[in-house]
């Protein structure tokens, strides 16, 4: 299966990023494998840099034909262990826990399938 990497705007809300990742998975017939914070792009006076100021990078891997794509739930957990128990009870499992930009600020985010 092929793996692709693309950028998600870290200046958006957690819900917007979750929606973007779910849409990308469905359009690409792929599942997210990793999600992490990129390098903040510094301002250079009046010159506007292309792309988001706070990029996050996601890697997705294609799934086989007929394999259902599992939706993603993103959470900023107060306590990762308690959140894992809650999500497991809802049939989800943790597939990443990393720092990403949310609303332009670095936050520890857990991703569940």
PDB file of N, CA and C in Angstrom:
ATOM      1  N   UNK A   1       0.835  -1.191   0.000  1.00  0.00           N
ATOM      2  CA  UNK A   1       0.000   0.000   0.000  1.00  0.00           C
ATOM      3  C   UNK A   1       0.881   1.257   0.000  1.00  0.00           C
ATOM      4  N   UNK A   2       0.417   2.290  -0.667  1.00  0.00           N
ATOM      5  CA  UNK A   2       1.165   3.533  -0.767  1.00  0.00           C
ATOM      6  C   UNK A   2       0.902   4.428   0.434  1.00  0.00           C
ATOM      7  N   UNK A   3       1.934   5.189   0.828  1.00  0.00           N
ATOM      8  CA  UNK A   3       1.815   6.161   1.913  1.00  0.00           C
ATOM      9  C   UNK A   3       2.023   7.553   1.324  1.00  0.00           C
ATOM     10  N   UNK A   4       1.193   8.497   1.737  1.00  0.00           N
ATOM     11  CA  UNK A   4       1.286   9.880   1.283  1.00  0.00           C
ATOM     12  C   UNK A   4       1.353  10.794   2.487  1.00  0.00           C
ATOM     13  N   UNK A   5       2.034  11.925   2.320  1.00  0.00           N
ATOM     14  CA  UNK A   5       2.142  12.917   3.393  1.00  0.00           C
ATOM     15  C   UNK A   5       1.594  14.232   2.857  1.00  0.00           C
ATOM     16  N   UNK A   6       0.773  14.893   3.677  1.00  0.00           N
ATOM     17  CA  UNK A   6       0.286  16.208   3.293  1.00  0.00           C
ATOM     18  C   UNK A   6       0.158  17.094   4.520  1.00  0.00           C
ATOM     19  N   UNK A   7      -0.103  18.372   4.283  1.00  0.00           N
ATOM     20  CA  UNK A   7      -0.132  19.374   5.340  1.00  0.00           C
ATOM     21  C   UNK A   7      -1.574  19.731   5.703  1.00  0.00           C
ATOM     22  N   UNK A   8      -1.790  19.971   7.007  1.00  0.00           N
ATOM     23  CA  UNK A   8      -3.080  20.432   7.517  1.00  0.00           C
ATOM     24  C   UNK A   8      -2.824  21.739   8.259  1.00  0.00           C
ATOM     25  N   UNK A   9      -3.704  22.701   8.095  1.00  0.00           N
ATOM     26  CA  UNK A   9      -3.566  24.029   8.699  1.00  0.00           C
ATOM     27  C   UNK A   9      -3.727  23.946  10.214  1.00  0.00           C
ATOM     28  N   UNK A  10      -2.649  24.197  10.956  1.00  0.00           N
ATOM     29  CA  UNK A  10      -2.658  24.173  12.411  1.00  0.00           C
ATOM     30  C   UNK A  10      -3.234  25.430  13.037  1.00  0.00           C
ATOM     31  N   UNK A  11      -3.657  26.386  12.209  1.00  0.00           N
ATOM     32  CA  UNK A  11      -4.319  27.590  12.729  1.00  0.00           C
ATOM     33  C   UNK A  11      -5.821  27.369  12.863  1.00  0.00           C
ATOM     34  N   UNK A  12      -6.299  26.174  12.511  1.00  0.00           N
ATOM     35  CA  UNK A  12      -7.718  25.858  12.620  1.00  0.00           C
ATOM     36  C   UNK A  12      -8.005  25.123  13.932  1.00  0.00           C
ATOM     37  N   UNK A  13      -9.287  24.998  14.244  1.00  0.00           N
ATOM     38  CA  UNK A  13      -9.709  24.339  15.485  1.00  0.00           C
ATOM     39  C   UNK A  13      -9.486  22.823  15.391  1.00  0.00           C
ATOM     40  N   UNK A  14      -9.550  22.164  16.536  1.00  0.00           N
ATOM     41  CA  UNK A  14      -9.397  20.715  16.570  1.00  0.00           C
ATOM     42  C   UNK A  14     -10.510  20.037  15.770  1.00  0.00           C
ATOM     43  N   UNK A  15     -11.725  20.521  15.877  1.00  0.00           N
ATOM     44  CA  UNK A  15     -12.861  19.969  15.130  1.00  0.00           C
ATOM     45  C   UNK A  15     -12.641  20.119  13.623  1.00  0.00           C
ATOM     46  N   UNK A  16     -12.161  21.290  13.188  1.00  0.00           N
ATOM     47  CA  UNK A  16     -11.897  21.494  11.760  1.00  0.00           C
ATOM     48  C   UNK A  16     -10.817  20.535  11.266  1.00  0.00           C
ATOM     49  N   UNK A  17      -9.775  20.332  12.080  1.00  0.00           N
ATOM     50  CA  UNK A  17      -8.715  19.403  11.687  1.00  0.00           C
ATOM     51  C   UNK A  17      -9.239  17.971  11.634  1.00  0.00           C
ATOM     52  N   UNK A  18     -10.064  17.593  12.592  1.00  0.00           N
ATOM     53  CA  UNK A  18     -10.662  16.264  12.589  1.00  0.00           C
ATOM     54  C   UNK A  18     -11.499  16.061  11.326  1.00  0.00           C
ATOM     55  N   UNK A  19     -12.302  17.059  10.979  1.00  0.00           N
ATOM     56  CA  UNK A  19     -13.123  16.979   9.765  1.00  0.00           C
ATOM     57  C   UNK A  19     -12.250  16.872   8.515  1.00  0.00           C
ATOM     58  N   UNK A  20     -11.155  17.644   8.467  1.00  0.00           N
ATOM     59  CA  UNK A  20     -10.234  17.601   7.325  1.00  0.00           C
ATOM     60  C   UNK A  20      -9.616  16.212   7.181  1.00  0.00           C
ATOM     61  N   UNK A  21      -9.181  15.636   8.298  1.00  0.00           N
ATOM     62  CA  UNK A  21      -8.562  14.309   8.245  1.00  0.00           C
ATOM     63  C   UNK A  21      -9.567  13.245   7.815  1.00  0.00           C
ATOM     64  N   UNK A  22     -10.786  13.313   8.339  1.00  0.00           N
ATOM     65  CA  UNK A  22     -11.805  12.332   7.949  1.00  0.00           C
ATOM     66  C   UNK A  22     -12.170  12.464   6.474  1.00  0.00           C
ATOM     67  N   UNK A  23     -12.286  13.694   5.992  1.00  0.00           N
ATOM     68  CA  UNK A  23     -12.586  13.915   4.578  1.00  0.00           C
ATOM     69  C   UNK A  23     -11.458  13.370   3.703  1.00  0.00           C
ATOM     70  N   UNK A  24     -10.213  13.664   4.092  1.00  0.00           N
ATOM     71  CA  UNK A  24      -9.065  13.179   3.313  1.00  0.00           C
ATOM     72  C   UNK A  24      -9.034  11.655   3.276  1.00  0.00           C
ATOM     73  N   UNK A  25      -9.280  11.029   4.414  1.00  0.00           N
ATOM     74  CA  UNK A  25      -9.299   9.563   4.447  1.00  0.00           C
ATOM     75  C   UNK A  25     -10.325   9.005   3.462  1.00  0.00           C
ATOM     76  N   UNK A  26     -11.522   9.595   3.483  1.00  0.00           N
ATOM     77  CA  UNK A  26     -12.594   9.088   2.622  1.00  0.00           C
ATOM     78  C   UNK A  26     -12.307   9.332   1.142  1.00  0.00           C
ATOM     79  N   UNK A  27     -11.741  10.488   0.805  1.00  0.00           N
ATOM     80  CA  UNK A  27     -11.444  10.798  -0.593  1.00  0.00           C
ATOM     81  C   UNK A  27     -10.276   9.973  -1.131  1.00  0.00           C
ATOM     82  N   UNK A  28      -9.302   9.693  -0.259  1.00  0.00           N
ATOM     83  CA  UNK A  28      -8.095   8.981  -0.684  1.00  0.00           C
ATOM     84  C   UNK A  28      -8.175   7.466  -0.468  1.00  0.00           C
ATOM     85  N   UNK A  29      -9.277   6.984   0.140  1.00  0.00           N
ATOM     86  CA  UNK A  29      -9.389   5.573   0.518  1.00  0.00           C
ATOM     87  C   UNK A  29      -8.146   5.155   1.306  1.00  0.00           C
ATOM     88  N   UNK A  30      -7.893   5.922   2.379  1.00  0.00           N
ATOM     89  CA  UNK A  30      -6.682   5.731   3.181  1.00  0.00           C
ATOM     90  C   UNK A  30      -6.991   5.995   4.645  1.00  0.00           C
ATOM     91  N   UNK A  31      -6.080   5.572   5.523  1.00  0.00           N
ATOM     92  CA  UNK A  31      -6.193   5.870   6.945  1.00  0.00           C
ATOM     93  C   UNK A  31      -4.962   6.630   7.412  1.00  0.00           C
ATOM     94  N   UNK A  32      -5.187   7.557   8.332  1.00  0.00           N
ATOM     95  CA  UNK A  32      -4.098   8.325   8.923  1.00  0.00           C
ATOM     96  C   UNK A  32      -3.231   7.390   9.744  1.00  0.00           C
ATOM     97  N   UNK A  33      -1.928   7.516   9.570  1.00  0.00           N
ATOM     98  CA  UNK A  33      -0.968   6.718  10.341  1.00  0.00           C
ATOM     99  C   UNK A  33      -0.237   7.574  11.363  1.00  0.00           C
ATOM    100  N   UNK A  34       0.169   8.796  10.962  1.00  0.00           N
ATOM    101  CA  UNK A  34       0.846   9.707  11.891  1.00  0.00           C
ATOM    102  C   UNK A  34       0.316  11.115  11.689  1.00  0.00           C
ATOM    103  N   UNK A  35       0.401  11.908  12.748  1.00  0.00           N
ATOM    104  CA  UNK A  35      -0.019  13.306  12.692  1.00  0.00           C
ATOM    105  C   UNK A  35       0.877  14.060  13.647  1.00  0.00           C
ATOM    106  N   UNK A  36       1.623  15.056  13.137  1.00  0.00           N
ATOM    107  CA  UNK A  36       2.556  15.769  14.005  1.00  0.00           C
ATOM    108  C   UNK A  36       2.742  17.215  13.574  1.00  0.00           C
ATOM    109  N   UNK A  37       3.217  17.977  14.510  1.00  0.00           N
ATOM    110  CA  UNK A  37       3.440  19.409  14.313  1.00  0.00           C
ATOM    111  C   UNK A  37       4.631  19.626  13.397  1.00  0.00           C
ATOM    112  N   UNK A  38       4.462  20.588  12.468  1.00  0.00           N
ATOM    113  CA  UNK A  38       5.565  20.997  11.619  1.00  0.00           C
ATOM    114  C   UNK A  38       6.312  22.157  12.259  1.00  0.00           C
ATOM    115  N   UNK A  39       7.174  22.786  11.509  1.00  0.00           N
ATOM    116  CA  UNK A  39       7.945  23.930  11.979  1.00  0.00           C
ATOM    117  C   UNK A  39       7.148  25.200  11.696  1.00  0.00           C
ATOM    118  N   UNK A  40       7.018  26.042  12.730  1.00  0.00           N
ATOM    119  CA  UNK A  40       6.302  27.300  12.561  1.00  0.00           C
ATOM    120  C   UNK A  40       7.031  28.171  11.558  1.00  0.00           C
ATOM    121  N   UNK A  41       6.279  28.755  10.631  1.00  0.00           N
ATOM    122  CA  UNK A  41       6.869  29.624   9.610  1.00  0.00           C
ATOM    123  C   UNK A  41       6.920  31.045  10.159  1.00  0.00           C
ATOM    124  N   UNK A  42       8.128  31.603  10.326  1.00  0.00           N
ATOM    125  CA  UNK A  42       8.230  32.947  10.906  1.00  0.00           C
ATOM    126  C   UNK A  42       7.726  34.026   9.947  1.00  0.00           C
ATOM    127  N   UNK A  43       7.231  35.100  10.535  1.00  0.00           N
ATOM    128  CA  UNK A  43       6.812  36.257   9.731  1.00  0.00           C
ATOM    129  C   UNK A  43       8.052  36.970   9.216  1.00  0.00           C
ATOM    130  N   UNK A  44       7.986  37.450   8.002  1.00  0.00           N
ATOM    131  CA  UNK A  44       9.121  38.178   7.422  1.00  0.00           C
ATOM    132  C   UNK A  44       8.653  39.564   6.989  1.00  0.00           C
ATOM    133  N   UNK A  45       8.190  40.329   7.948  1.00  0.00           N
ATOM    134  CA  UNK A  45       7.733  41.685   7.644  1.00  0.00           C
ATOM    135  C   UNK A  45       6.455  41.676   6.839  1.00  0.00           C
ATOM    136  N   UNK A  46       6.462  42.351   5.707  1.00  0.00           N
ATOM    137  CA  UNK A  46       5.252  42.473   4.899  1.00  0.00           C
ATOM    138  C   UNK A  46       5.116  41.363   3.856  1.00  0.00           C
ATOM    139  N   UNK A  47       6.102  40.446   3.792  1.00  0.00           N
ATOM    140  CA  UNK A  47       6.054  39.370   2.802  1.00  0.00           C
ATOM    141  C   UNK A  47       5.172  38.242   3.338  1.00  0.00           C
ATOM    142  N   UNK A  48       4.154  37.870   2.584  1.00  0.00           N
ATOM    143  CA  UNK A  48       3.261  36.783   2.972  1.00  0.00           C
ATOM    144  C   UNK A  48       3.830  35.461   2.474  1.00  0.00           C
ATOM    145  N   UNK A  49       4.005  34.524   3.415  1.00  0.00           N
ATOM    146  CA  UNK A  49       4.516  33.204   3.069  1.00  0.00           C
ATOM    147  C   UNK A  49       3.360  32.321   2.607  1.00  0.00           C
ATOM    148  N   UNK A  50       3.581  31.457   1.623  1.00  0.00           N
ATOM    149  CA  UNK A  50       2.513  30.547   1.189  1.00  0.00           C
ATOM    150  C   UNK A  50       2.254  29.476   2.250  1.00  0.00           C
ATOM    151  N   UNK A  51       1.015  29.017   2.301  1.00  0.00           N
ATOM    152  CA  UNK A  51       0.656  27.940   3.232  1.00  0.00           C
ATOM    153  C   UNK A  51       0.375  28.455   4.623  1.00  0.00           C
ATOM    154  N   UNK A  52      -0.043  27.550   5.509  1.00  0.00           N
ATOM    155  CA  UNK A  52      -0.375  27.959   6.874  1.00  0.00           C
ATOM    156  C   UNK A  52       0.866  28.356   7.672  1.00  0.00           C
ATOM    157  N   UNK A  53       0.668  29.256   8.615  1.00  0.00           N
ATOM    158  CA  UNK A  53       1.767  29.696   9.472  1.00  0.00           C
ATOM    159  C   UNK A  53       2.162  28.589  10.460  1.00  0.00           C
ATOM    160  N   UNK A  54       1.186  27.754  10.828  1.00  0.00           N
ATOM    161  CA  UNK A  54       1.410  26.655  11.778  1.00  0.00           C
ATOM    162  C   UNK A  54       1.007  25.335  11.124  1.00  0.00           C
ATOM    163  N   UNK A  55       1.920  24.728  10.356  1.00  0.00           N
ATOM    164  CA  UNK A  55       1.561  23.497   9.637  1.00  0.00           C
ATOM    165  C   UNK A  55       1.642  22.248  10.515  1.00  0.00           C
ATOM    166  N   UNK A  56       0.731  21.335  10.283  1.00  0.00           N
ATOM    167  CA  UNK A  56       0.789  19.990  10.842  1.00  0.00           C
ATOM    168  C   UNK A  56       0.952  19.044   9.660  1.00  0.00           C
ATOM    169  N   UNK A  57       1.657  17.945   9.875  1.00  0.00           N
ATOM    170  CA  UNK A  57       1.874  16.984   8.802  1.00  0.00           C
ATOM    171  C   UNK A  57       1.231  15.648   9.140  1.00  0.00           C
ATOM    172  N   UNK A  58       0.529  15.116   8.164  1.00  0.00           N
ATOM    173  CA  UNK A  58      -0.181  13.855   8.329  1.00  0.00           C
ATOM    174  C   UNK A  58       0.315  12.870   7.277  1.00  0.00           C
ATOM    175  N   UNK A  59       0.519  11.635   7.712  1.00  0.00           N
ATOM    176  CA  UNK A  59       0.817  10.586   6.732  1.00  0.00           C
ATOM    177  C   UNK A  59      -0.386   9.654   6.693  1.00  0.00           C
ATOM    178  N   UNK A  60      -0.780   9.308   5.487  1.00  0.00           N
ATOM    179  CA  UNK A  60      -1.896   8.392   5.286  1.00  0.00           C
ATOM    180  C   UNK A  60      -1.429   7.209   4.468  1.00  0.00           C
ATOM    181  N   UNK A  61      -2.038   6.074   4.715  1.00  0.00           N
ATOM    182  CA  UNK A  61      -1.709   4.867   3.976  1.00  0.00           C
ATOM    183  C   UNK A  61      -2.978   4.332   3.341  1.00  0.00           C
ATOM    184  N   UNK A  62      -2.903   4.034   2.053  1.00  0.00           N
ATOM    185  CA  UNK A  62      -4.062   3.512   1.337  1.00  0.00           C
ATOM    186  C   UNK A  62      -4.523   2.204   1.968  1.00  0.00           C
ATOM    187  N   UNK A  63      -5.835   2.003   1.965  1.00  0.00           N
ATOM    188  CA  UNK A  63      -6.394   0.741   2.438  1.00  0.00           C
ATOM    189  C   UNK A  63      -6.849  -0.057   1.219  1.00  0.00           C
ATOM    190  N   UNK A  64      -6.973  -1.344   1.397  1.00  0.00           N
ATOM    191  CA  UNK A  64      -7.383  -2.195   0.287  1.00  0.00           C
ATOM    192  C   UNK A  64      -8.812  -1.935  -0.149  1.00  0.00           C
ATOM    193  N   UNK A  65      -9.098  -2.297  -1.371  1.00  0.00           N
ATOM    194  CA  UNK A  65     -10.425  -2.138  -1.931  1.00  0.00           C
ATOM    195  C   UNK A  65     -11.436  -2.899  -1.075  1.00  0.00           C
ATOM    196  N   UNK A  66     -12.496  -2.233  -0.673  1.00  0.00           N
ATOM    197  CA  UNK A  66     -13.532  -2.858   0.145  1.00  0.00           C
ATOM    198  C   UNK A  66     -13.273  -2.807   1.640  1.00  0.00           C
ATOM    199  N   UNK A  67     -12.090  -2.358   2.044  1.00  0.00           N
ATOM    200  CA  UNK A  67     -11.777  -2.237   3.474  1.00  0.00           C
ATOM    201  C   UNK A  67     -12.387  -0.938   3.983  1.00  0.00           C
ATOM    202  N   UNK A  68     -13.204  -0.996   5.034  1.00  0.00           N
ATOM    203  CA  UNK A  68     -13.816   0.236   5.532  1.00  0.00           C
ATOM    204  C   UNK A  68     -12.771   1.169   6.149  1.00  0.00           C
ATOM    205  N   UNK A  69     -12.932   2.458   5.893  1.00  0.00           N
ATOM    206  CA  UNK A  69     -12.047   3.473   6.471  1.00  0.00           C
ATOM    207  C   UNK A  69     -12.652   3.889   7.812  1.00  0.00           C
ATOM    208  N   UNK A  70     -11.882   3.701   8.871  1.00  0.00           N
ATOM    209  CA  UNK A  70     -12.376   4.024  10.211  1.00  0.00           C
ATOM    210  C   UNK A  70     -12.287   5.528  10.466  1.00  0.00           C
ATOM    211  N   UNK A  71     -13.360   6.131  10.970  1.00  0.00           N
ATOM    212  CA  UNK A  71     -13.319   7.569  11.247  1.00  0.00           C
ATOM    213  C   UNK A  71     -12.342   7.890  12.374  1.00  0.00           C
ATOM    214  N   UNK A  72     -11.846   9.116  12.354  1.00  0.00           N
ATOM    215  CA  UNK A  72     -10.900   9.608  13.351  1.00  0.00           C
ATOM    216  C   UNK A  72     -11.632  10.473  14.366  1.00  0.00           C
ATOM    217  N   UNK A  73     -11.227  10.343  15.614  1.00  0.00           N
ATOM    218  CA  UNK A  73     -11.673  11.246  16.669  1.00  0.00           C
ATOM    219  C   UNK A  73     -10.410  11.848  17.269  1.00  0.00           C
ATOM    220  N   UNK A  74     -10.307  13.192  17.266  1.00  0.00           N
ATOM    221  CA  UNK A  74      -9.170  13.880  17.885  1.00  0.00           C
ATOM    222  C   UNK A  74      -9.597  14.428  19.234  1.00  0.00           C
ATOM    223  N   UNK A  75      -8.711  14.271  20.225  1.00  0.00           N
ATOM    224  CA  UNK A  75      -9.004  14.694  21.590  1.00  0.00           C
ATOM    225  C   UNK A  75      -7.758  15.338  22.190  1.00  0.00           C
ATOM    226  N   UNK A  76      -7.969  16.428  22.944  1.00  0.00           N
ATOM    227  CA  UNK A  76      -6.901  16.986  23.778  1.00  0.00           C
ATOM    228  C   UNK A  76      -7.184  16.474  25.190  1.00  0.00           C
ATOM    229  N   UNK A  77      -6.530  15.379  25.579  1.00  0.00           N
ATOM    230  CA  UNK A  77      -6.879  14.747  26.845  1.00  0.00           C
ATOM    231  C   UNK A  77      -6.253  15.446  28.048  1.00  0.00           C
ATOM    232  N   UNK A  78      -7.052  15.596  29.112  1.00  0.00           N
ATOM    233  CA  UNK A  78      -6.514  16.090  30.376  1.00  0.00           C
ATOM    234  C   UNK A  78      -5.671  14.984  31.003  1.00  0.00           C
ATOM    235  N   UNK A  79      -6.125  13.743  30.829  1.00  0.00           N
ATOM    236  CA  UNK A  79      -5.430  12.566  31.349  1.00  0.00           C
ATOM    237  C   UNK A  79      -5.527  11.469  30.295  1.00  0.00           C
ATOM    238  N   UNK A  80      -4.409  11.129  29.663  1.00  0.00           N
ATOM    239  CA  UNK A  80      -4.406  10.183  28.543  1.00  0.00           C
ATOM    240  C   UNK A  80      -4.934   8.819  28.969  1.00  0.00           C
ATOM    241  N   UNK A  81      -4.562   8.341  30.137  1.00  0.00           N
ATOM    242  CA  UNK A  81      -5.002   7.012  30.569  1.00  0.00           C
ATOM    243  C   UNK A  81      -6.526   6.950  30.728  1.00  0.00           C
ATOM    244  N   UNK A  82      -7.108   7.961  31.351  1.00  0.00           N
ATOM    245  CA  UNK A  82      -8.568   8.009  31.507  1.00  0.00           C
ATOM    246  C   UNK A  82      -9.256   8.118  30.148  1.00  0.00           C
ATOM    247  N   UNK A  83      -8.678   8.929  29.255  1.00  0.00           N
ATOM    248  CA  UNK A  83      -9.255   9.090  27.915  1.00  0.00           C
ATOM    249  C   UNK A  83      -9.202   7.778  27.147  1.00  0.00           C
ATOM    250  N   UNK A  84      -8.100   7.021  27.289  1.00  0.00           N
ATOM    251  CA  UNK A  84      -7.986   5.724  26.619  1.00  0.00           C
ATOM    252  C   UNK A  84      -9.088   4.775  27.086  1.00  0.00           C
ATOM    253  N   UNK A  85      -9.387   4.794  28.369  1.00  0.00           N
ATOM    254  CA  UNK A  85     -10.446   3.938  28.918  1.00  0.00           C
ATOM    255  C   UNK A  85     -11.793   4.339  28.319  1.00  0.00           C
ATOM    256  N   UNK A  86     -12.052   5.643  28.275  1.00  0.00           N
ATOM    257  CA  UNK A  86     -13.308   6.141  27.712  1.00  0.00           C
ATOM    258  C   UNK A  86     -13.442   5.754  26.249  1.00  0.00           C
ATOM    259  N   UNK A  87     -12.396   5.998  25.448  1.00  0.00           N
ATOM    260  CA  UNK A  87     -12.446   5.720  24.017  1.00  0.00           C
ATOM    261  C   UNK A  87     -12.529   4.216  23.736  1.00  0.00           C
ATOM    262  N   UNK A  88     -11.817   3.407  24.529  1.00  0.00           N
ATOM    263  CA  UNK A  88     -11.871   1.949  24.368  1.00  0.00           C
ATOM    264  C   UNK A  88     -13.291   1.453  24.608  1.00  0.00           C
ATOM    265  N   UNK A  89     -13.964   2.039  25.596  1.00  0.00           N
ATOM    266  CA  UNK A  89     -15.351   1.682  25.880  1.00  0.00           C
ATOM    267  C   UNK A  89     -16.282   2.018  24.727  1.00  0.00           C
ATOM    268  N   UNK A  90     -15.865   2.944  23.859  1.00  0.00           N
ATOM    269  CA  UNK A  90     -16.657   3.324  22.693  1.00  0.00           C
ATOM    270  C   UNK A  90     -16.170   2.611  21.423  1.00  0.00           C
ATOM    271  N   UNK A  91     -15.294   1.612  21.615  1.00  0.00           N
ATOM    272  CA  UNK A  91     -14.833   0.806  20.487  1.00  0.00           C
ATOM    273  C   UNK A  91     -13.691   1.421  19.694  1.00  0.00           C
ATOM    274  N   UNK A  92     -13.012   2.407  20.259  1.00  0.00           N
ATOM    275  CA  UNK A  92     -11.908   3.064  19.547  1.00  0.00           C
ATOM    276  C   UNK A  92     -10.579   2.713  20.210  1.00  0.00           C
ATOM    277  N   UNK A  93      -9.512   2.798  19.404  1.00  0.00           N
ATOM    278  CA  UNK A  93      -8.178   2.569  19.957  1.00  0.00           C
ATOM    279  C   UNK A  93      -7.252   3.715  19.561  1.00  0.00           C
ATOM    280  N   UNK A  94      -6.314   4.001  20.439  1.00  0.00           N
ATOM    281  CA  UNK A  94      -5.333   5.075  20.226  1.00  0.00           C
ATOM    282  C   UNK A  94      -4.398   4.681  19.091  1.00  0.00           C
ATOM    283  N   UNK A  95      -4.189   5.598  18.137  1.00  0.00           N
ATOM    284  CA  UNK A  95      -3.209   5.304  17.091  1.00  0.00           C
ATOM    285  C   UNK A  95      -2.125   6.356  17.025  1.00  0.00           C
ATOM    286  N   UNK A  96      -2.301   7.513  17.703  1.00  0.00           N
ATOM    287  CA  UNK A  96      -1.193   8.443  17.870  1.00  0.00           C
ATOM    288  C   UNK A  96      -1.455   9.347  19.070  1.00  0.00           C
ATOM    289  N   UNK A  97      -0.362   9.812  19.652  1.00  0.00           N
ATOM    290  CA  UNK A  97      -0.394  10.827  20.694  1.00  0.00           C
ATOM    291  C   UNK A  97       0.829  11.690  20.443  1.00  0.00           C
ATOM    292  N   UNK A  98       0.596  12.902  19.931  1.00  0.00           N
ATOM    293  CA  UNK A  98       1.723  13.755  19.577  1.00  0.00           C
ATOM    294  C   UNK A  98       1.341  15.221  19.714  1.00  0.00           C
ATOM    295  N   UNK A  99       2.347  16.072  19.604  1.00  0.00           N
ATOM    296  CA  UNK A  99       2.093  17.510  19.665  1.00  0.00           C
ATOM    297  C   UNK A  99       1.801  18.018  18.266  1.00  0.00           C
ATOM    298  N   UNK A 100       0.685  18.745  18.151  1.00  0.00           N
ATOM    299  CA  UNK A 100       0.292  19.368  16.891  1.00  0.00           C
ATOM    300  C   UNK A 100      -0.168  20.791  17.186  1.00  0.00           C
ATOM    301  N   UNK A 101      -0.236  21.603  16.146  1.00  0.00           N
ATOM    302  CA  UNK A 101      -0.789  22.943  16.298  1.00  0.00           C
ATOM    303  C   UNK A 101      -2.314  22.861  16.267  1.00  0.00           C
ATOM    304  N   UNK A 102      -2.951  23.538  17.224  1.00  0.00           N
ATOM    305  CA  UNK A 102      -4.405  23.686  17.264  1.00  0.00           C
ATOM    306  C   UNK A 102      -4.676  25.155  17.535  1.00  0.00           C
ATOM    307  N   UNK A 103      -5.396  25.807  16.646  1.00  0.00           N
ATOM    308  CA  UNK A 103      -5.629  27.252  16.759  1.00  0.00           C
ATOM    309  C   UNK A 103      -4.303  28.014  16.881  1.00  0.00           C
ATOM    310  N   UNK A 104      -3.253  27.498  16.217  1.00  0.00           N
ATOM    311  CA  UNK A 104      -1.952  28.160  16.192  1.00  0.00           C
ATOM    312  C   UNK A 104      -1.087  27.925  17.412  1.00  0.00           C
ATOM    313  N   UNK A 105      -1.527  27.049  18.333  1.00  0.00           N
ATOM    314  CA  UNK A 105      -0.788  26.779  19.571  1.00  0.00           C
ATOM    315  C   UNK A 105      -0.463  25.290  19.633  1.00  0.00           C
ATOM    316  N   UNK A 106       0.753  24.932  20.041  1.00  0.00           N
ATOM    317  CA  UNK A 106       1.130  23.539  20.171  1.00  0.00           C
ATOM    318  C   UNK A 106       0.383  22.867  21.321  1.00  0.00           C
ATOM    319  N   UNK A 107      -0.272  21.744  21.041  1.00  0.00           N
ATOM    320  CA  UNK A 107      -1.025  21.002  22.052  1.00  0.00           C
ATOM    321  C   UNK A 107      -0.777  19.515  21.860  1.00  0.00           C
ATOM    322  N   UNK A 108      -0.813  18.775  22.969  1.00  0.00           N
ATOM    323  CA  UNK A 108      -0.738  17.307  22.910  1.00  0.00           C
ATOM    324  C   UNK A 108      -2.119  16.791  22.518  1.00  0.00           C
ATOM    325  N   UNK A 109      -2.173  16.060  21.412  1.00  0.00           N
ATOM    326  CA  UNK A 109      -3.436  15.573  20.876  1.00  0.00           C
ATOM    327  C   UNK A 109      -3.366  14.058  20.716  1.00  0.00           C
ATOM    328  N   UNK A 110      -4.462  13.403  21.082  1.00  0.00           N
ATOM    329  CA  UNK A 110      -4.594  11.963  20.895  1.00  0.00           C
ATOM    330  C   UNK A 110      -5.540  11.716  19.727  1.00  0.00           C
ATOM    331  N   UNK A 111      -5.166  10.750  18.890  1.00  0.00           N
ATOM    332  CA  UNK A 111      -6.012  10.366  17.755  1.00  0.00           C
ATOM    333  C   UNK A 111      -6.490   8.952  17.925  1.00  0.00           C
ATOM    334  N   UNK A 112      -7.794   8.733  17.739  1.00  0.00           N
ATOM    335  CA  UNK A 112      -8.405   7.425  17.898  1.00  0.00           C
ATOM    336  C   UNK A 112      -9.114   7.014  16.613  1.00  0.00           C
ATOM    337  N   UNK A 113      -9.041   5.713  16.322  1.00  0.00           N
ATOM    338  CA  UNK A 113      -9.825   5.087  15.246  1.00  0.00           C
ATOM    339  C   UNK A 113     -10.872   4.237  15.918  1.00  0.00           C
TER     340      UNK A 113
END
